[in-house]
Amino acid sequence: LIVITKPPKDRSATFDRSYVISGYGKEGTVVAIYKLSGDVYVKTNYEWQIGASTYFAIPIELDSKKNILLCRAEDSSGQYQHAKLEITYLGSSLSDVVRNITVDATSIPY
């Protein structure tokens, strides 16, 4: 029913709090995102119905460092497909540290 193109694999990492899950699929298919909470996947408000373009893009907010998600696609006939995804939020503090690193070229031995 769907092909997920982002993330390109079932795992991804980002420094951004928001992330877009995207891909393409059968027109009319509804794509919904569930988050793992304890031992149960809970439906979120993130949902998209695929239109004539066959493209979908679902912007989500990441809650914690490791976000275990289930992407569920279902068409009007009741056929469905599940894809498990793991998106790790690396946090902005690490990106700030990396961004502020400076190198003094005169101190590099030749």
N, C-alpha and C. Protein backbone atom coordinates (compact mmCIF):
# COMPACT_ATOMS: atom_id res chain seq x y z
N LEU A 1 0.81 -1.21 0.00
CA LEU A 1 0.00 0.00 0.00
C LEU A 1 0.85 1.27 0.00
N ILE A 2 1.98 1.24 0.76
CA ILE A 2 2.85 2.41 0.80
C ILE A 2 4.31 1.99 0.72
N VAL A 3 5.13 2.94 0.28
CA VAL A 3 6.58 2.81 0.33
C VAL A 3 7.08 4.03 1.08
N ILE A 4 7.81 3.81 2.17
CA ILE A 4 8.36 4.91 2.96
C ILE A 4 9.73 5.25 2.40
N THR A 5 9.92 6.51 2.02
CA THR A 5 11.21 6.94 1.49
C THR A 5 12.03 7.73 2.52
N LYS A 6 11.36 8.28 3.53
CA LYS A 6 12.06 8.96 4.62
C LYS A 6 11.39 8.55 5.91
N PRO A 7 12.08 7.93 6.81
CA PRO A 7 13.50 7.62 6.76
C PRO A 7 13.82 6.57 5.69
N PRO A 8 15.03 6.62 5.14
CA PRO A 8 15.40 5.69 4.08
C PRO A 8 15.52 4.24 4.56
N LYS A 9 15.72 4.04 5.84
CA LYS A 9 15.76 2.71 6.45
C LYS A 9 14.80 2.74 7.63
N ASP A 10 14.70 1.66 8.36
CA ASP A 10 13.76 1.63 9.48
C ASP A 10 14.27 2.36 10.71
N ARG A 11 15.51 2.88 10.65
CA ARG A 11 16.08 3.66 11.75
C ARG A 11 16.68 4.95 11.21
N SER A 12 16.55 6.00 12.02
CA SER A 12 17.11 7.28 11.63
C SER A 12 17.42 8.08 12.89
N ALA A 13 18.25 9.10 12.74
CA ALA A 13 18.58 9.99 13.85
C ALA A 13 18.58 11.43 13.35
N THR A 14 18.22 12.34 14.24
CA THR A 14 18.14 13.74 13.86
C THR A 14 18.44 14.64 15.04
N PHE A 15 18.93 15.84 14.77
CA PHE A 15 19.12 16.87 15.79
C PHE A 15 17.88 17.72 15.93
N ASP A 16 16.91 17.57 15.03
CA ASP A 16 15.69 18.38 15.04
C ASP A 16 14.60 17.71 15.84
N ARG A 17 13.85 18.51 16.57
CA ARG A 17 12.74 17.98 17.37
C ARG A 17 11.60 17.50 16.47
N SER A 18 11.45 18.11 15.30
CA SER A 18 10.41 17.66 14.37
C SER A 18 11.04 16.86 13.23
N TYR A 19 10.24 15.94 12.69
CA TYR A 19 10.74 15.02 11.66
C TYR A 19 9.59 14.74 10.71
N VAL A 20 9.88 14.61 9.43
CA VAL A 20 8.84 14.32 8.44
C VAL A 20 9.02 12.90 7.92
N ILE A 21 7.99 12.08 8.13
CA ILE A 21 7.95 10.74 7.56
C ILE A 21 7.23 10.87 6.22
N SER A 22 7.86 10.39 5.15
CA SER A 22 7.26 10.59 3.83
C SER A 22 7.46 9.38 2.93
N GLY A 23 6.71 9.40 1.84
CA GLY A 23 6.80 8.32 0.86
C GLY A 23 5.68 8.43 -0.15
N TYR A 24 5.30 7.30 -0.72
CA TYR A 24 4.21 7.30 -1.70
C TYR A 24 3.40 6.02 -1.56
N GLY A 25 2.21 6.03 -2.12
CA GLY A 25 1.36 4.86 -1.99
C GLY A 25 0.07 4.98 -2.79
N LYS A 26 -0.81 4.06 -2.52
CA LYS A 26 -2.08 3.95 -3.23
C LYS A 26 -3.03 5.09 -2.83
N GLU A 27 -3.59 5.74 -3.83
CA GLU A 27 -4.54 6.83 -3.58
C GLU A 27 -5.68 6.35 -2.69
N GLY A 28 -6.06 7.19 -1.73
CA GLY A 28 -7.15 6.86 -0.81
C GLY A 28 -6.70 6.16 0.45
N THR A 29 -5.46 5.69 0.48
CA THR A 29 -4.93 5.01 1.67
C THR A 29 -4.71 6.03 2.79
N VAL A 30 -5.10 5.65 4.00
CA VAL A 30 -4.88 6.51 5.17
C VAL A 30 -3.64 5.99 5.89
N VAL A 31 -2.70 6.89 6.13
CA VAL A 31 -1.45 6.56 6.83
C VAL A 31 -1.52 7.22 8.21
N ALA A 32 -1.39 6.41 9.26
CA ALA A 32 -1.45 6.92 10.63
C ALA A 32 -0.19 6.50 11.39
N ILE A 33 0.22 7.34 12.33
CA ILE A 33 1.42 7.08 13.13
C ILE A 33 1.01 6.73 14.56
N TYR A 34 1.60 5.63 15.07
CA TYR A 34 1.40 5.19 16.44
C TYR A 34 2.75 5.25 17.14
N LYS A 35 2.75 5.62 18.44
CA LYS A 35 4.00 5.65 19.22
C LYS A 35 3.95 4.58 20.30
N LEU A 36 5.09 3.94 20.51
CA LEU A 36 5.18 2.92 21.55
C LEU A 36 5.19 3.60 22.91
N SER A 37 4.25 3.18 23.76
CA SER A 37 4.15 3.70 25.12
C SER A 37 4.10 2.49 26.05
N GLY A 38 5.20 2.19 26.70
CA GLY A 38 5.29 0.96 27.49
C GLY A 38 5.36 -0.22 26.54
N ASP A 39 4.35 -1.08 26.60
CA ASP A 39 4.29 -2.24 25.72
C ASP A 39 3.21 -2.10 24.65
N VAL A 40 2.60 -0.92 24.55
CA VAL A 40 1.44 -0.73 23.67
C VAL A 40 1.69 0.44 22.71
N TYR A 41 1.28 0.25 21.45
CA TYR A 41 1.33 1.35 20.48
C TYR A 41 0.06 2.18 20.63
N VAL A 42 0.23 3.49 20.80
CA VAL A 42 -0.89 4.41 20.99
C VAL A 42 -0.99 5.30 19.75
N LYS A 43 -2.20 5.42 19.21
CA LYS A 43 -2.40 6.25 18.02
C LYS A 43 -2.17 7.71 18.36
N THR A 44 -1.45 8.39 17.47
CA THR A 44 -1.21 9.83 17.63
C THR A 44 -2.20 10.60 16.75
N ASN A 45 -2.09 11.90 16.76
CA ASN A 45 -2.91 12.74 15.90
C ASN A 45 -2.31 12.88 14.50
N TYR A 46 -1.17 12.24 14.26
CA TYR A 46 -0.49 12.35 12.98
C TYR A 46 -1.08 11.36 11.99
N GLU A 47 -1.77 11.90 10.98
CA GLU A 47 -2.45 11.06 10.00
C GLU A 47 -2.50 11.78 8.66
N TRP A 48 -2.53 11.01 7.58
CA TRP A 48 -2.53 11.59 6.23
C TRP A 48 -3.31 10.67 5.31
N GLN A 49 -4.19 11.25 4.49
CA GLN A 49 -4.86 10.45 3.47
C GLN A 49 -4.18 10.75 2.14
N ILE A 50 -3.73 9.69 1.47
CA ILE A 50 -3.00 9.85 0.22
C ILE A 50 -3.96 10.26 -0.88
N GLY A 51 -3.60 11.33 -1.58
CA GLY A 51 -4.42 11.86 -2.66
C GLY A 51 -3.93 11.41 -4.03
N ALA A 52 -4.36 12.13 -5.05
CA ALA A 52 -4.06 11.78 -6.44
C ALA A 52 -2.56 11.82 -6.74
N SER A 53 -1.81 12.62 -6.00
CA SER A 53 -0.36 12.71 -6.24
C SER A 53 0.34 11.42 -5.81
N THR A 54 -0.31 10.60 -5.01
CA THR A 54 0.20 9.36 -4.40
C THR A 54 1.31 9.62 -3.38
N TYR A 55 1.56 10.86 -3.02
CA TYR A 55 2.62 11.24 -2.10
C TYR A 55 2.04 11.49 -0.72
N PHE A 56 2.78 11.15 0.33
CA PHE A 56 2.38 11.55 1.68
C PHE A 56 3.58 12.08 2.43
N ALA A 57 3.32 13.00 3.35
CA ALA A 57 4.36 13.58 4.20
C ALA A 57 3.71 13.91 5.54
N ILE A 58 4.16 13.24 6.59
CA ILE A 58 3.57 13.41 7.91
C ILE A 58 4.61 14.03 8.84
N PRO A 59 4.46 15.33 9.15
CA PRO A 59 5.39 15.95 10.10
C PRO A 59 5.01 15.54 11.52
N ILE A 60 5.98 15.04 12.29
CA ILE A 60 5.73 14.62 13.67
C ILE A 60 6.69 15.34 14.60
N GLU A 61 6.32 15.42 15.86
CA GLU A 61 7.20 15.96 16.90
C GLU A 61 7.77 14.78 17.68
N LEU A 62 9.07 14.79 17.88
CA LEU A 62 9.74 13.72 18.62
C LEU A 62 9.70 14.04 20.11
N ASP A 63 9.36 13.03 20.93
CA ASP A 63 9.19 13.25 22.37
C ASP A 63 10.47 13.05 23.16
N SER A 64 11.18 12.00 22.84
CA SER A 64 12.29 11.61 23.68
C SER A 64 13.48 11.25 22.81
N LYS A 65 14.52 10.75 23.43
CA LYS A 65 15.70 10.36 22.65
C LYS A 65 15.37 9.29 21.63
N LYS A 66 14.71 8.20 22.07
CA LYS A 66 14.38 7.11 21.16
C LYS A 66 12.87 7.07 20.97
N ASN A 67 12.42 7.25 19.73
CA ASN A 67 11.00 7.22 19.40
C ASN A 67 10.73 5.97 18.57
N ILE A 68 9.99 5.03 19.16
CA ILE A 68 9.61 3.81 18.46
C ILE A 68 8.21 4.04 17.90
N LEU A 69 8.11 3.99 16.58
CA LEU A 69 6.86 4.32 15.91
C LEU A 69 6.36 3.16 15.07
N LEU A 70 5.06 3.14 14.85
CA LEU A 70 4.44 2.19 13.94
C LEU A 70 3.67 3.02 12.92
N CYS A 71 4.01 2.83 11.68
CA CYS A 71 3.32 3.51 10.58
C CYS A 71 2.30 2.52 10.03
N ARG A 72 1.02 2.85 10.13
CA ARG A 72 -0.04 1.95 9.68
C ARG A 72 -0.74 2.58 8.49
N ALA A 73 -0.82 1.81 7.40
CA ALA A 73 -1.52 2.25 6.19
C ALA A 73 -2.72 1.33 6.00
N GLU A 74 -3.88 1.93 5.70
CA GLU A 74 -5.08 1.14 5.47
C GLU A 74 -5.87 1.76 4.32
N ASP A 75 -6.28 0.91 3.36
CA ASP A 75 -7.08 1.41 2.24
C ASP A 75 -8.56 1.20 2.52
N SER A 76 -9.41 1.65 1.59
CA SER A 76 -10.85 1.62 1.80
C SER A 76 -11.42 0.20 1.86
N SER A 77 -10.70 -0.78 1.32
CA SER A 77 -11.19 -2.16 1.35
C SER A 77 -10.82 -2.88 2.65
N GLY A 78 -10.05 -2.21 3.52
CA GLY A 78 -9.66 -2.81 4.78
C GLY A 78 -8.29 -3.46 4.77
N GLN A 79 -7.63 -3.48 3.61
CA GLN A 79 -6.26 -3.99 3.55
C GLN A 79 -5.37 -3.05 4.36
N TYR A 80 -4.41 -3.60 5.09
CA TYR A 80 -3.52 -2.74 5.85
C TYR A 80 -2.08 -3.24 5.79
N GLN A 81 -1.19 -2.34 6.18
CA GLN A 81 0.25 -2.60 6.18
C GLN A 81 0.84 -1.88 7.38
N HIS A 82 1.81 -2.52 8.05
CA HIS A 82 2.51 -1.91 9.18
C HIS A 82 4.00 -1.80 8.86
N ALA A 83 4.60 -0.72 9.31
CA ALA A 83 6.05 -0.55 9.21
C ALA A 83 6.54 0.03 10.53
N LYS A 84 7.48 -0.66 11.16
CA LYS A 84 8.05 -0.15 12.41
C LYS A 84 9.23 0.77 12.09
N LEU A 85 9.31 1.89 12.81
CA LEU A 85 10.37 2.87 12.61
C LEU A 85 10.95 3.26 13.97
N GLU A 86 12.24 3.52 13.99
CA GLU A 86 12.89 4.04 15.18
C GLU A 86 13.60 5.32 14.80
N ILE A 87 13.16 6.43 15.39
CA ILE A 87 13.78 7.73 15.09
C ILE A 87 14.35 8.27 16.40
N THR A 88 15.66 8.47 16.41
CA THR A 88 16.35 8.93 17.61
C THR A 88 16.55 10.44 17.53
N TYR A 89 16.08 11.12 18.57
CA TYR A 89 16.30 12.56 18.70
C TYR A 89 17.61 12.75 19.45
N LEU A 90 18.60 13.31 18.77
CA LEU A 90 19.93 13.47 19.34
C LEU A 90 20.03 14.67 20.26
N GLY A 91 19.08 15.57 20.19
CA GLY A 91 19.07 16.74 21.06
C GLY A 91 19.85 17.88 20.48
N SER A 92 19.45 19.07 20.84
CA SER A 92 20.11 20.26 20.29
C SER A 92 21.42 20.56 20.99
N SER A 93 21.60 20.08 22.22
CA SER A 93 22.82 20.42 22.96
C SER A 93 24.07 19.85 22.26
N LEU A 94 23.99 18.65 21.71
CA LEU A 94 25.12 18.07 21.01
C LEU A 94 25.43 18.86 19.75
N SER A 95 24.40 19.27 19.01
CA SER A 95 24.64 20.05 17.79
C SER A 95 25.25 21.40 18.14
N ASP A 96 24.85 21.99 19.28
CA ASP A 96 25.44 23.27 19.71
C ASP A 96 26.93 23.08 20.03
N VAL A 97 27.27 21.96 20.68
CA VAL A 97 28.66 21.69 21.01
C VAL A 97 29.48 21.56 19.73
N VAL A 98 28.99 20.76 18.79
CA VAL A 98 29.70 20.55 17.53
C VAL A 98 29.82 21.86 16.76
N ARG A 99 28.77 22.64 16.74
CA ARG A 99 28.75 23.90 15.99
C ARG A 99 29.77 24.89 16.56
N ASN A 100 30.03 24.83 17.86
CA ASN A 100 30.92 25.80 18.51
C ASN A 100 32.38 25.34 18.59
N ILE A 101 32.70 24.21 18.00
CA ILE A 101 34.09 23.74 18.00
C ILE A 101 34.90 24.58 17.03
N THR A 102 36.03 25.05 17.49
CA THR A 102 36.93 25.81 16.62
C THR A 102 38.30 25.14 16.62
N VAL A 103 38.98 25.25 15.50
CA VAL A 103 40.32 24.66 15.36
C VAL A 103 41.29 25.77 14.99
N ASP A 104 42.39 25.82 15.71
CA ASP A 104 43.45 26.78 15.40
C ASP A 104 44.45 26.07 14.50
N ALA A 105 44.47 26.44 13.23
CA ALA A 105 45.33 25.77 12.25
C ALA A 105 46.80 25.89 12.58
N THR A 106 47.19 26.91 13.33
CA THR A 106 48.61 27.08 13.67
C THR A 106 49.07 26.04 14.68
N SER A 107 48.14 25.40 15.38
CA SER A 107 48.54 24.42 16.40
C SER A 107 48.58 23.00 15.86
N ILE A 108 48.28 22.82 14.57
CA ILE A 108 48.29 21.49 13.97
C ILE A 108 49.72 21.16 13.50
N PRO A 109 50.30 20.06 14.03
CA PRO A 109 51.67 19.73 13.61
C PRO A 109 51.69 19.21 12.18
N TYR A 110 52.75 19.53 11.45
CA TYR A 110 52.85 19.11 10.04
C TYR A 110 53.65 17.88 9.92
